Amino acid sequence: MENKWFLSMIRDEFRGGKINLEKTHKLLEKLDIQCNYVHVKSIFKDNDRLKQGRITIEEFRSIYRIIAHREEIVEIFNTYSGNQKFLVEKNLLQFLIQEQYILDMSQNIAFEIIQKYEPIEEVKRAHRMSFEGFIRYMGSSECLIFKPDCGRVYQDMTQPLNDYFISSSHNTYLISDQLLGPSDLWGYVSALVKGCRCLEIDCWDGSQNEPIVYHGYTLTSKLLFKTVIQAIHKYAFLTSDYPVVLSLENHCSPSQQEVMADTLQSVFGDALLSDMLDDFPDKLPSPEVLKFKVLVRNKKIGTLRETHERKGSNKHGQVEEFEEIYQDEIKGSETLIGSEDNPGKEDEIISVAGLPLFKKRKVKVALALSDLVIYTKAEKFRSFQHSRLYQQFNESNSIGETEARKLLKLRVALNFQTPGLPMDLQNGKFLDNGGSGYILKPQFLRDIKTQFNPNKPPNQSDPVTLTIRLISGIQLPPSNHSSSNKADALVILELFGVPNDQTKQQTRVIKRNAFSPRWNETFTFIIQVPELALMRFVVESQGLITGNEFLGQYTLPVLSMNKGYRRVPLFSKMGESLEPASLFVYIWYVR
């Protein structure tokens, strides 16, 4: 029956005789078999017996079987099909429960899967699944490693904003180098499309009273503030309904700050949050009540109540000046010229030689811009102790990378456009909760009575024992050093989380095979704080002289992993999908 179906699907293509490589590739896609052109080309070459660049119908069948009928899938199918030809609904149901851990189901689910993936009509009508249907199901999105439930917003979104991890970007306007590279609207657009909810806008005085955006004291190109705000308005809620925070790194004079305030109000209109949601707030509102709202983060004068009382009044020309004191670790009693907020002006330094210094400077803020800051007032970070004692609920700190490394020993500032490990972890973390850019923190990070120490597992956390059997690779990207479709493939499994959970394990190297390397190696991880853990799969080609070559990666939260036989999709260094390149794994974990 399968043979009859197969011939009926391809016969017309061979009426004119043999077919070339391009037609072969198209015919495979017509059969719903995703394939990488480089691999098809290599396999075509091996099966073109006369070496004329054209193949017969039988040679095409061989190519199809090599690409579609993977041995590891045949083994699974044969285990559950009594006669090794078909799965009846009962067999399929048994597979789904025992291997895929799909417990909330009925026989109807097996029927639906057959109806969706079985290509042979007679088999489908008999409520059976052929191997052709099984391979299409196993290659579908339903068998991906990422839990489908985590692909939608499923967390409680009614808690205060500070109870969430928020996807944030630093120097969002840069798309390459931070000193010489171009500033580009695409930086904002791509970050928003990826689910980023907090964007940094570095604002400076421009000509003709038009504020501009660029990386100060560098040779990066300049964008009009107005143009940036218009682009953000267009894409702000394309990926997520939840609030967007515009963090203004504000170096503008009061007159241009007023222009910024006018631009924000005219472009965003009612979406711009410019007043309290409650008359007497004592905590931050939730992402849910702030849906489709834009929040401004900047220096602020006075209280929220004073802002509320000024609502609707004319603030043109009104400027407030205040002294800002913060700590810096400059040795001696040197003077710092040209602070980032007042370029070219002197900061007054209050110090004792050799000790940590406190600097004091005057900052001017236009009232029109200040009054647009409601729940996201920017405050200089002094210390955690100072924040605990004095910081108001609507105040937030930005901590520079150097200081953050001292405090946390972690990097925190992220350019969404800079590829590499930090962005892979960021993207993997925020896959969860529907890619909304907001992830509810674990209870032990939300409860102020809990003293969380990353070096000691919290009492409230249940450890997880995670087992991953890395079975095979599927059409991996070939090495750049290979003239065909080869790579000396290996996989690194990296666990990121609290210090005691951080670990790395690696497969052996499969030589000269990027098409279908088979490892069949099992790895076990004992994870103390699974709520904060991420698993990163990295595929490399071994290089003995120049070092290993990166081929692809995928990162996701440990608790977002599906159990059972799963496909791990791979992404390039730039974050682009490498489909159909993937890993085939078996996942199991217990708490």
Protein backbone atom coordinates (compact mmCIF):
# COMPACT_ATOMS: atom_id res chain seq x y z
CA MET A 1 0.00 0.00 0.00
CA GLU A 2 2.85 2.39 0.86
CA ASN A 3 4.58 1.51 -2.40
CA LYS A 4 1.40 2.26 -4.38
CA TRP A 5 0.95 5.60 -2.56
CA PHE A 6 4.57 6.57 -3.10
CA LEU A 7 4.49 5.87 -6.83
CA SER A 8 1.20 7.76 -7.23
CA MET A 9 2.80 10.82 -5.59
CA ILE A 10 5.89 10.94 -7.80
CA ARG A 11 4.97 9.21 -11.09
CA ASP A 12 3.97 12.38 -12.94
CA GLU A 13 7.35 13.98 -12.28
CA PHE A 14 9.11 11.15 -14.15
CA ARG A 15 6.83 11.05 -17.22
CA GLY A 16 9.50 12.92 -19.15
CA GLY A 17 12.24 10.58 -17.97
CA LYS A 18 14.91 11.36 -15.39
CA ILE A 19 14.92 14.44 -13.12
CA ASN A 20 17.73 16.76 -12.04
CA LEU A 21 18.85 17.91 -8.59
CA GLU A 22 16.51 20.93 -8.39
CA LYS A 23 13.43 18.85 -9.27
CA THR A 24 14.53 16.20 -6.76
CA HIS A 25 14.68 18.83 -4.01
CA LYS A 26 11.23 20.19 -4.94
CA LEU A 27 9.71 16.70 -5.09
CA LEU A 28 11.00 15.90 -1.59
CA GLU A 29 9.35 19.08 -0.31
CA LYS A 30 6.12 18.12 -2.09
CA LEU A 31 6.23 14.89 -0.07
CA ASP A 32 6.43 17.01 3.14
CA ILE A 33 10.02 16.00 3.81
CA GLN A 34 12.06 19.03 4.91
CA CYS A 35 15.60 18.85 3.66
CA ASN A 36 18.75 20.92 3.50
CA TYR A 37 19.86 21.51 -0.10
CA VAL A 38 23.52 20.78 0.72
CA HIS A 39 22.61 17.34 2.06
CA VAL A 40 20.25 16.61 -0.86
CA LYS A 41 23.01 17.56 -3.30
CA SER A 42 25.51 15.20 -1.66
CA ILE A 43 23.04 12.27 -1.48
CA PHE A 44 21.90 12.96 -5.08
CA LYS A 45 25.52 12.75 -6.21
CA ASP A 46 26.03 9.42 -4.42
CA ASN A 47 22.86 7.92 -6.01
CA ASP A 48 23.33 9.27 -9.55
CA ARG A 49 24.91 6.06 -10.82
CA LEU A 50 25.61 7.29 -14.36
CA LYS A 51 26.93 10.63 -13.06
CA GLN A 52 24.85 12.56 -15.63
CA GLY A 53 23.19 14.93 -13.15
CA ARG A 54 19.83 13.18 -13.65
CA ILE A 55 18.24 10.28 -11.75
CA THR A 56 15.65 7.57 -12.36
CA ILE A 57 12.51 6.94 -10.32
CA GLU A 58 14.26 4.09 -8.47
CA GLU A 59 17.23 6.31 -7.65
CA PHE A 60 14.82 8.91 -6.29
CA ARG A 61 13.22 6.26 -4.09
CA SER A 62 16.66 5.48 -2.64
CA ILE A 63 17.29 9.17 -1.93
CA TYR A 64 13.87 9.49 -0.28
CA ARG A 65 14.48 6.51 1.98
CA ILE A 66 17.93 7.76 3.02
CA ILE A 67 16.51 11.15 4.03
CA ALA A 68 13.09 10.20 5.42
CA HIS A 69 13.44 6.67 6.81
CA ARG A 70 15.87 7.28 9.65
CA GLU A 71 16.93 4.08 11.43
CA GLU A 72 16.28 5.43 14.92
CA ILE A 73 12.65 6.20 13.98
CA VAL A 74 12.22 2.78 12.32
CA GLU A 75 13.33 1.14 15.60
CA ILE A 76 10.71 3.05 17.62
CA PHE A 77 7.96 2.31 15.07
CA ASN A 78 8.77 -1.42 15.02
CA THR A 79 8.62 -1.59 18.81
CA TYR A 80 4.99 -0.43 18.86
CA SER A 81 3.61 -1.87 15.59
CA GLY A 82 2.68 -5.53 16.01
CA ASN A 83 3.06 -6.43 12.33
CA GLN A 84 5.74 -3.78 11.66
CA LYS A 85 3.55 -2.23 8.96
CA PHE A 86 0.95 -0.15 10.80
CA LEU A 87 0.12 1.35 14.15
CA VAL A 88 -3.52 0.91 15.09
CA GLU A 89 -5.00 3.60 17.37
CA LYS A 90 -4.34 1.43 20.44
CA ASN A 91 -0.63 1.09 19.52
CA LEU A 92 -0.28 4.81 18.93
CA LEU A 93 -2.01 5.60 22.20
CA GLN A 94 0.37 3.24 24.00
CA PHE A 95 3.35 5.06 22.44
CA LEU A 96 1.97 8.50 23.35
CA ILE A 97 1.41 7.53 27.00
CA GLN A 98 4.51 5.40 27.62
CA GLU A 99 7.07 7.36 25.60
CA GLN A 100 5.72 10.87 25.14
CA TYR A 101 4.19 11.17 28.64
CA ILE A 102 0.97 12.59 27.25
CA LEU A 103 -1.32 11.60 30.11
CA ASP A 104 -4.34 13.85 29.62
CA MET A 105 -5.70 12.16 26.54
CA SER A 106 -8.25 9.76 25.12
CA GLN A 107 -8.31 7.43 22.15
CA ASN A 108 -9.71 10.39 20.24
CA ILE A 109 -6.27 12.09 20.42
CA ALA A 110 -4.67 9.16 18.59
CA PHE A 111 -7.39 9.43 15.94
CA GLU A 112 -6.71 13.16 15.54
CA ILE A 113 -2.97 12.57 15.11
CA ILE A 114 -3.64 9.94 12.46
CA GLN A 115 -6.02 12.26 10.62
CA LYS A 116 -3.46 15.06 10.70
CA TYR A 117 -0.26 13.23 9.73
CA GLU A 118 -1.15 10.04 7.84
CA PRO A 119 -0.64 10.75 4.09
CA ILE A 120 -2.11 7.48 2.74
CA GLU A 121 -5.89 7.83 2.46
CA GLU A 122 -6.75 4.12 2.71
CA VAL A 123 -4.67 3.80 5.88
CA LYS A 124 -6.21 6.93 7.36
CA ARG A 125 -9.74 5.66 6.70
CA ALA A 126 -8.85 2.42 8.51
CA HIS A 127 -7.83 4.47 11.59
CA ARG A 128 -4.25 3.30 11.25
CA MET A 129 -0.86 4.97 10.93
CA SER A 130 1.79 3.84 8.46
CA PHE A 131 5.48 4.49 8.92
CA GLU A 132 5.04 7.41 6.50
CA GLY A 133 2.55 8.98 8.92
CA PHE A 134 4.75 8.22 11.92
CA ILE A 135 7.81 9.97 10.50
CA ARG A 136 5.71 13.03 9.68
CA TYR A 137 4.33 13.11 13.22
CA MET A 138 7.80 12.70 14.78
CA GLY A 139 9.14 15.51 12.60
CA SER A 140 6.27 17.86 13.48
CA SER A 141 6.12 20.75 15.94
CA GLU A 142 4.16 18.48 18.31
CA CYS A 143 7.37 16.56 19.03
CA LEU A 144 9.60 19.55 19.74
CA ILE A 145 11.44 19.68 23.06
CA PHE A 146 9.77 22.94 24.13
CA LYS A 147 6.45 22.37 25.91
CA PRO A 148 3.56 23.82 23.88
CA ASP A 149 1.88 25.01 27.11
CA CYS A 150 4.90 27.25 27.74
CA GLY A 151 4.41 28.76 24.28
CA ARG A 152 1.38 30.70 25.51
CA VAL A 153 0.92 33.07 28.45
CA TYR A 154 0.06 30.70 31.30
CA GLN A 155 1.52 32.41 34.37
CA ASP A 156 -0.29 34.67 36.82
CA MET A 157 0.07 38.17 35.31
CA THR A 158 -1.70 40.01 38.14
CA GLN A 159 1.28 40.37 40.48
CA PRO A 160 3.27 43.66 40.85
CA LEU A 161 5.76 44.41 38.08
CA ASN A 162 8.74 43.81 40.37
CA ASP A 163 7.69 40.16 40.76
CA TYR A 164 8.68 39.44 37.14
CA PHE A 165 11.83 38.94 35.15
CA ILE A 166 11.45 41.46 32.29
CA SER A 167 13.16 41.02 28.94
CA SER A 168 15.40 44.08 28.62
CA SER A 169 17.93 45.45 26.16
CA HIS A 170 20.92 47.77 26.54
CA ASN A 171 21.99 50.16 23.76
CA THR A 172 19.06 48.87 21.75
CA TYR A 173 19.75 51.22 18.85
CA LEU A 174 23.11 49.59 18.05
CA ILE A 175 23.23 46.76 15.53
CA SER A 176 26.97 46.07 15.62
CA ASP A 177 29.95 47.86 17.14
CA GLN A 178 29.43 50.09 20.20
CA LEU A 179 32.14 52.60 19.20
CA LEU A 180 31.98 52.91 15.42
CA GLY A 181 28.94 50.93 14.29
CA PRO A 182 25.66 52.24 12.88
CA SER A 183 22.65 53.16 15.00
CA ASP A 184 19.59 51.72 13.33
CA LEU A 185 15.84 51.57 13.80
CA TRP A 186 16.12 47.85 13.11
CA GLY A 187 17.72 47.49 16.53
CA TYR A 188 14.44 48.55 18.17
CA VAL A 189 12.21 46.69 15.74
CA SER A 190 14.07 43.38 16.01
CA ALA A 191 14.22 43.60 19.82
CA LEU A 192 10.46 44.22 20.06
CA VAL A 193 9.71 41.41 17.62
CA LYS A 194 11.80 39.08 19.83
CA GLY A 195 9.65 40.01 22.84
CA CYS A 196 11.88 42.64 24.48
CA ARG A 197 9.84 44.83 26.86
CA CYS A 198 12.43 47.36 28.10
CA LEU A 199 14.32 49.43 25.54
CA GLU A 200 17.17 51.85 26.18
CA ILE A 201 17.12 55.17 24.31
CA ASP A 202 20.33 57.23 24.59
CA CYS A 203 19.14 60.82 23.99
CA TRP A 204 21.27 63.88 23.16
CA ASP A 205 20.67 67.43 21.94
CA GLY A 206 20.38 67.63 18.17
CA SER A 207 20.27 70.52 15.71
CA GLN A 208 17.09 72.57 15.16
CA ASN A 209 15.80 71.59 18.60
CA GLU A 210 15.36 67.95 17.51
CA PRO A 211 16.71 65.41 20.06
CA ILE A 212 18.82 62.60 18.61
CA VAL A 213 19.65 59.02 19.62
CA TYR A 214 23.16 57.57 19.52
CA HIS A 215 25.92 56.19 21.75
CA GLY A 216 27.49 59.30 23.28
CA TYR A 217 31.22 60.10 22.92
CA THR A 218 31.51 57.60 20.07
CA LEU A 219 31.40 57.71 16.28
CA THR A 220 28.15 55.76 15.98
CA SER A 221 25.59 57.22 13.59
CA LYS A 222 22.63 59.29 14.81
CA LEU A 223 18.85 58.80 14.67
CA LEU A 224 16.10 61.33 15.28
CA PHE A 225 14.34 60.70 18.61
CA LYS A 226 11.01 61.27 16.88
CA THR A 227 11.74 58.56 14.28
CA VAL A 228 12.76 56.08 16.98
CA ILE A 229 9.52 56.69 18.92
CA GLN A 230 7.43 56.25 15.77
CA ALA A 231 9.12 52.90 15.03
CA ILE A 232 8.57 51.72 18.61
CA HIS A 233 4.91 52.75 18.42
CA LYS A 234 4.45 50.64 15.30
CA TYR A 235 6.00 47.45 16.70
CA ALA A 236 5.52 47.79 20.48
CA PHE A 237 2.72 45.24 20.86
CA LEU A 238 3.23 43.04 17.83
CA THR A 239 4.67 40.13 19.84
CA SER A 240 3.40 40.83 23.35
CA ASP A 241 0.43 42.74 24.83
CA TYR A 242 2.32 43.54 28.02
CA PRO A 243 3.81 46.96 28.88
CA VAL A 244 6.87 48.42 27.20
CA VAL A 245 9.31 50.48 29.29
CA LEU A 246 11.33 53.17 27.51
CA SER A 247 14.47 53.70 29.57
CA LEU A 248 15.77 57.16 28.66
CA GLU A 249 19.51 57.65 29.04
CA ASN A 250 18.85 61.36 29.07
CA HIS A 251 21.65 63.81 28.21
CA CYS A 252 19.39 66.50 26.71
CA SER A 253 18.95 70.12 27.74
CA PRO A 254 15.59 71.05 29.35
CA SER A 255 14.29 72.60 26.11
CA GLN A 256 14.91 69.39 24.14
CA GLN A 257 13.53 67.32 27.01
CA GLU A 258 10.27 69.22 26.44
CA VAL A 259 10.41 68.23 22.77
CA MET A 260 10.86 64.61 23.87
CA ALA A 261 7.81 64.89 26.16
CA ASP A 262 5.70 66.33 23.32
CA THR A 263 6.84 63.58 20.95
CA LEU A 264 6.04 60.82 23.45
CA GLN A 265 2.54 62.20 24.06
CA SER A 266 1.68 62.89 20.44
CA VAL A 267 2.94 59.54 19.11
CA PHE A 268 1.68 57.21 21.86
CA GLY A 269 -1.47 59.12 22.86
CA ASP A 270 -3.55 57.21 25.41
CA ALA A 271 -1.11 54.29 25.37
CA LEU A 272 1.42 56.47 27.25
CA LEU A 273 1.00 56.06 31.00
CA SER A 274 1.10 59.61 32.42
CA ASP A 275 -0.80 59.25 35.70
CA MET A 276 -1.27 56.79 38.55
CA LEU A 277 -3.78 54.02 38.13
CA ASP A 278 -4.78 54.32 41.82
CA ASP A 279 -5.01 57.47 43.91
CA PHE A 280 -2.82 56.21 46.75
CA PRO A 281 -0.56 53.50 45.42
CA ASP A 282 1.95 51.70 47.64
CA LYS A 283 3.01 49.01 45.17
CA LEU A 284 3.55 48.63 41.46
CA PRO A 285 0.65 47.65 39.19
CA SER A 286 0.65 44.31 37.38
CA PRO A 287 1.53 43.55 33.75
CA GLU A 288 -2.13 42.61 33.27
CA VAL A 289 -3.53 46.06 34.15
CA LEU A 290 -0.73 47.71 32.16
CA LYS A 291 -1.48 45.83 28.93
CA PHE A 292 -0.80 47.93 25.80
CA LYS A 293 0.75 50.70 27.94
CA VAL A 294 4.08 52.48 27.41
CA LEU A 295 6.01 53.55 30.53
CA VAL A 296 8.78 56.17 30.59
CA ARG A 297 11.84 55.59 32.77
CA ASN A 298 13.77 58.79 33.55
CA LYS A 299 14.81 61.11 36.38
CA LYS A 300 11.76 62.43 38.22
CA ILE A 301 11.03 65.50 40.34
CA GLY A 302 8.72 65.26 43.33
CA THR A 303 6.08 62.74 44.27
CA LEU A 304 3.41 60.89 42.33
CA ARG A 305 0.72 62.85 44.13
CA GLU A 306 2.31 66.18 43.03
CA THR A 307 2.45 64.85 39.46
CA HIS A 308 -1.23 63.94 39.67
CA GLU A 309 -2.16 67.43 40.92
CA ARG A 310 -0.32 69.08 38.01
CA LYS A 311 -2.12 66.97 35.39
CA GLY A 312 -3.45 69.15 32.58
CA SER A 313 -1.49 72.28 33.57
CA ASN A 314 0.91 74.12 31.26
CA LYS A 315 4.48 73.06 32.11
CA HIS A 316 6.29 74.83 29.27
CA GLY A 317 9.59 76.30 30.42
CA GLN A 318 9.36 74.83 33.92
CA VAL A 319 12.65 73.26 34.91
CA GLU A 320 13.63 71.68 38.22
CA GLU A 321 17.20 71.26 39.42
CA PHE A 322 18.33 68.85 42.07
CA GLU A 323 21.55 67.51 43.50
CA GLU A 324 22.31 63.87 42.92
CA ILE A 325 24.74 62.04 45.20
CA TYR A 326 26.15 58.65 44.40
CA GLN A 327 29.12 56.49 45.26
CA ASP A 328 32.04 55.84 42.96
CA GLU A 329 35.31 54.05 43.49
CA ILE A 330 37.82 56.58 42.16
CA LYS A 331 41.03 56.50 44.13
CA GLY A 332 42.52 59.68 45.53
CA SER A 333 40.77 63.03 45.22
CA GLU A 334 40.75 63.39 41.45
CA THR A 335 38.08 65.38 39.61
CA LEU A 336 35.88 63.70 37.04
CA ILE A 337 35.25 65.91 34.01
CA GLY A 338 32.23 65.36 31.78
CA SER A 339 29.80 63.13 33.55
CA GLU A 340 27.43 61.21 31.30
CA ASP A 341 24.44 63.28 32.40
CA ASN A 342 26.16 66.69 32.10
CA PRO A 343 28.82 66.39 29.40
CA GLY A 344 31.56 68.97 29.71
CA LYS A 345 30.55 69.94 33.25
CA GLU A 346 32.43 69.14 36.41
CA ASP A 347 31.22 66.75 39.07
CA GLU A 348 31.96 67.83 42.62
CA ILE A 349 33.69 65.09 44.55
CA ILE A 350 33.26 64.45 48.28
CA SER A 351 35.92 62.01 49.49
CA VAL A 352 38.67 60.91 51.76
CA ALA A 353 41.77 59.88 49.78
CA GLY A 354 41.89 56.20 48.97
CA LEU A 355 38.35 55.42 50.20
CA PRO A 356 35.19 54.98 48.10
CA LEU A 357 34.06 58.39 46.88
CA PHE A 358 30.71 60.08 46.84
CA LYS A 359 30.16 62.39 43.86
CA LYS A 360 27.62 65.16 43.80
CA ARG A 361 26.24 66.85 40.71
CA LYS A 362 23.37 69.07 39.66
CA VAL A 363 20.82 67.69 37.25
CA LYS A 364 18.22 69.70 35.33
CA VAL A 365 14.95 68.06 34.39
CA ALA A 366 12.08 69.55 32.40
CA LEU A 367 8.87 69.17 34.37
CA ALA A 368 6.99 68.13 31.22
CA LEU A 369 9.23 65.05 30.87
CA SER A 370 9.48 64.40 34.61
CA ASP A 371 5.71 64.17 34.92
CA LEU A 372 5.58 61.38 32.33
CA VAL A 373 7.55 59.19 34.74
CA ILE A 374 5.12 57.31 36.97
CA TYR A 375 6.11 53.82 38.09
CA THR A 376 9.63 53.70 36.63
CA LYS A 377 11.64 56.50 38.26
CA ALA A 378 15.38 56.15 37.58
CA GLU A 379 17.62 56.30 40.65
CA LYS A 380 21.39 55.89 40.87
CA PHE A 381 22.39 52.69 42.64
CA ARG A 382 24.25 53.22 45.91
CA SER A 383 24.06 49.87 47.68
CA PHE A 384 21.59 47.08 48.33
CA GLN A 385 21.39 48.21 51.95
CA HIS A 386 20.48 51.77 50.92
CA SER A 387 17.85 50.44 48.49
CA ARG A 388 16.26 48.27 51.18
CA LEU A 389 16.07 51.19 53.60
CA TYR A 390 15.12 54.12 51.40
CA GLN A 391 14.05 53.10 47.89
CA GLN A 392 10.41 53.81 47.01
CA PHE A 393 8.24 51.23 45.23
CA ASN A 394 8.31 53.22 41.97
CA GLU A 395 12.10 53.69 41.86
CA SER A 396 14.46 51.46 39.92
CA ASN A 397 18.22 51.22 39.43
CA SER A 398 20.42 50.53 36.48
CA ILE A 399 23.64 48.84 37.51
CA GLY A 400 26.64 49.03 35.16
CA GLU A 401 28.40 45.85 34.08
CA THR A 402 31.55 46.47 36.15
CA GLU A 403 29.57 47.09 39.33
CA ALA A 404 27.20 44.22 38.56
CA ARG A 405 30.06 41.77 38.15
CA LYS A 406 31.29 42.75 41.58
CA LEU A 407 27.79 42.33 43.04
CA LEU A 408 26.60 39.26 41.17
CA LYS A 409 29.59 37.91 39.21
CA LEU A 410 27.27 37.88 36.18
CA ARG A 411 27.02 40.01 33.06
CA VAL A 412 23.81 41.99 32.89
CA ALA A 413 23.87 44.53 30.05
CA LEU A 414 22.62 43.01 26.80
CA ASN A 415 22.60 44.28 23.25
CA PHE A 416 19.88 42.27 21.51
CA GLN A 417 21.97 42.55 18.36
CA THR A 418 25.20 41.06 19.78
CA PRO A 419 25.22 37.30 19.16
CA GLY A 420 26.77 34.84 21.57
CA LEU A 421 26.21 33.05 24.86
CA PRO A 422 24.57 35.94 26.83
CA MET A 423 21.94 36.49 24.11
CA ASP A 424 21.36 32.73 23.74
CA LEU A 425 20.60 32.56 27.47
CA GLN A 426 18.38 35.66 27.28
CA ASN A 427 16.41 34.27 24.33
CA GLY A 428 16.14 30.85 25.97
CA LYS A 429 14.93 32.27 29.28
CA PHE A 430 12.21 34.35 27.65
CA LEU A 431 10.87 31.58 25.40
CA ASP A 432 8.75 30.77 28.43
CA ASN A 433 5.30 32.24 29.18
CA GLY A 434 4.44 32.70 25.53
CA GLY A 435 7.48 34.84 24.71
CA SER A 436 5.62 37.72 26.39
CA GLY A 437 8.78 39.26 27.84
CA TYR A 438 7.48 38.80 31.40
CA ILE A 439 8.26 35.72 33.51
CA LEU A 440 6.96 35.40 37.05
CA LYS A 441 9.84 34.92 39.48
CA PRO A 442 9.82 31.80 41.68
CA GLN A 443 8.13 32.27 45.05
CA PHE A 444 11.46 32.27 46.89
CA LEU A 445 12.53 35.38 44.93
CA ARG A 446 9.21 37.17 45.47
CA ASP A 447 8.81 36.63 49.19
CA ILE A 448 10.80 39.32 51.06
CA LYS A 449 10.91 37.06 54.11
CA THR A 450 12.91 34.48 52.16
CA GLN A 451 16.67 34.89 52.31
CA PHE A 452 17.67 33.44 48.95
CA ASN A 453 21.34 32.54 48.64
CA PRO A 454 22.32 31.24 45.18
CA ASN A 455 25.07 29.18 46.78
CA LYS A 456 22.56 27.31 48.95
CA PRO A 457 19.41 25.73 47.53
CA PRO A 458 16.24 27.33 48.96
CA ASN A 459 14.00 25.20 51.15
CA GLN A 460 11.06 25.81 48.82
CA SER A 461 12.80 24.39 45.73
CA ASP A 462 12.45 20.72 44.69
CA PRO A 463 15.59 19.32 43.01
CA VAL A 464 15.19 17.68 39.62
CA THR A 465 17.09 14.69 38.26
CA LEU A 466 17.25 15.24 34.50
CA THR A 467 18.28 12.48 32.08
CA ILE A 468 18.95 13.23 28.41
CA ARG A 469 19.66 10.49 25.90
CA LEU A 470 21.21 12.17 22.92
CA ILE A 471 20.26 9.81 20.10
CA SER A 472 21.21 11.46 16.82
CA GLY A 473 21.63 14.55 14.70
CA ILE A 474 19.28 15.40 11.84
CA GLN A 475 20.73 17.18 8.79
CA LEU A 476 23.18 19.27 10.82
CA PRO A 477 24.82 22.29 9.16
CA PRO A 478 28.01 21.08 7.46
CA SER A 479 31.39 22.45 8.51
CA ASN A 480 32.57 25.51 6.59
CA HIS A 481 35.80 23.58 6.05
CA SER A 482 34.00 20.77 4.22
CA SER A 483 33.44 20.86 0.46
CA SER A 484 30.35 18.61 0.78
CA ASN A 485 28.07 17.81 3.73
CA LYS A 486 30.58 16.65 6.31
CA ALA A 487 31.41 17.67 9.87
CA ASP A 488 33.23 16.04 12.78
CA ALA A 489 30.14 16.48 14.91
CA LEU A 490 29.89 16.65 18.70
CA VAL A 491 27.29 18.05 21.10
CA ILE A 492 27.92 19.95 24.33
CA LEU A 493 25.14 20.03 26.94
CA GLU A 494 25.56 23.08 29.17
CA LEU A 495 23.49 23.66 32.29
CA PHE A 496 23.20 27.26 33.53
CA GLY A 497 21.69 28.31 36.86
CA VAL A 498 22.83 28.83 40.44
CA PRO A 499 26.59 28.16 40.88
CA ASN A 500 26.14 24.58 42.18
CA ASP A 501 24.00 23.68 39.14
CA GLN A 502 26.40 24.99 36.49
CA THR A 503 27.95 22.09 34.61
CA LYS A 504 28.87 20.90 31.13
CA GLN A 505 28.94 17.46 29.49
CA GLN A 506 29.94 16.40 25.99
CA THR A 507 29.40 13.60 23.49
CA ARG A 508 32.10 11.80 21.56
CA VAL A 509 32.97 13.04 18.06
CA ILE A 510 31.29 11.41 15.04
CA LYS A 511 33.73 11.84 12.17
CA ARG A 512 32.77 13.17 8.73
CA ASN A 513 28.99 13.05 9.22
CA ALA A 514 26.72 16.07 9.52
CA PHE A 515 23.77 14.35 7.86
CA SER A 516 22.90 11.65 10.40
CA PRO A 517 25.43 11.26 13.23
CA ARG A 518 24.36 8.67 15.86
CA TRP A 519 25.59 9.11 19.44
CA ASN A 520 23.18 7.18 21.67
CA GLU A 521 24.81 8.64 24.77
CA THR A 522 23.03 9.30 28.07
CA PHE A 523 23.68 12.25 30.40
CA THR A 524 22.30 12.86 33.88
CA PHE A 525 22.07 16.20 35.70
CA ILE A 526 21.00 16.73 39.32
CA ILE A 527 19.58 20.25 39.45
CA GLN A 528 19.13 21.88 42.86
CA VAL A 529 17.22 24.99 41.69
CA PRO A 530 15.39 23.95 38.49
CA GLU A 531 13.27 27.16 38.52
CA LEU A 532 16.38 29.16 37.52
CA ALA A 533 18.05 26.55 35.31
CA LEU A 534 18.56 26.69 31.54
CA MET A 535 19.80 23.89 29.29
CA ARG A 536 21.88 24.83 26.23
CA PHE A 537 22.56 22.32 23.45
CA VAL A 538 25.58 23.34 21.36
CA VAL A 539 26.60 21.50 18.18
CA GLU A 540 30.19 21.89 17.05
CA SER A 541 32.55 20.45 14.47
CA GLN A 542 35.82 19.39 16.03
CA GLY A 543 38.84 21.37 14.88
CA LEU A 544 42.24 20.21 16.08
CA ILE A 545 44.22 23.24 14.93
CA THR A 546 41.84 26.23 14.88
CA GLY A 547 39.54 25.02 17.65
CA ASN A 548 35.98 23.75 17.38
CA GLU A 549 33.61 25.35 14.88
CA PHE A 550 30.14 26.43 16.08
CA LEU A 551 27.36 24.83 14.01
CA GLY A 552 24.18 25.60 15.98
CA GLN A 553 22.57 25.87 19.41
CA TYR A 554 19.28 25.81 21.29
CA THR A 555 18.60 27.05 24.82
CA LEU A 556 15.47 26.64 26.93
CA PRO A 557 14.37 26.59 30.59
CA VAL A 558 14.74 23.13 32.15
CA LEU A 559 11.14 23.19 33.38
CA SER A 560 9.91 23.95 29.84
CA MET A 561 11.28 20.68 28.49
CA ASN A 562 8.90 18.06 27.15
CA LYS A 563 9.51 14.48 28.22
CA GLY A 564 9.93 11.63 25.75
CA TYR A 565 11.32 11.45 22.21
CA ARG A 566 11.83 15.05 21.18
CA ARG A 567 13.42 17.14 18.48
CA VAL A 568 15.76 20.00 19.46
CA PRO A 569 15.67 22.70 16.74
CA LEU A 570 18.94 24.48 16.06
CA PHE A 571 19.66 28.17 15.60
CA SER A 572 22.64 29.96 14.09
CA LYS A 573 24.98 32.29 15.96
CA MET A 574 22.78 35.18 14.76
CA GLY A 575 19.64 33.51 16.12
CA GLU A 576 18.23 32.37 12.77
CA SER A 577 16.45 29.03 12.44
CA LEU A 578 18.53 26.29 10.79
CA GLU A 579 15.53 24.01 10.07
CA PRO A 580 15.48 21.13 9.41
CA ALA A 581 18.76 20.83 11.34
CA SER A 582 17.98 19.41 14.78
CA LEU A 583 18.97 16.90 17.44
CA PHE A 584 16.89 13.85 18.31
CA VAL A 585 16.78 13.19 22.05
CA TYR A 586 14.91 11.31 24.76
CA ILE A 587 14.12 13.42 27.84
CA TRP A 588 13.19 12.17 31.29
CA TYR A 589 13.12 13.98 34.63
CA VAL A 590 11.67 13.47 38.10
CA ARG A 591 11.14 15.85 41.02
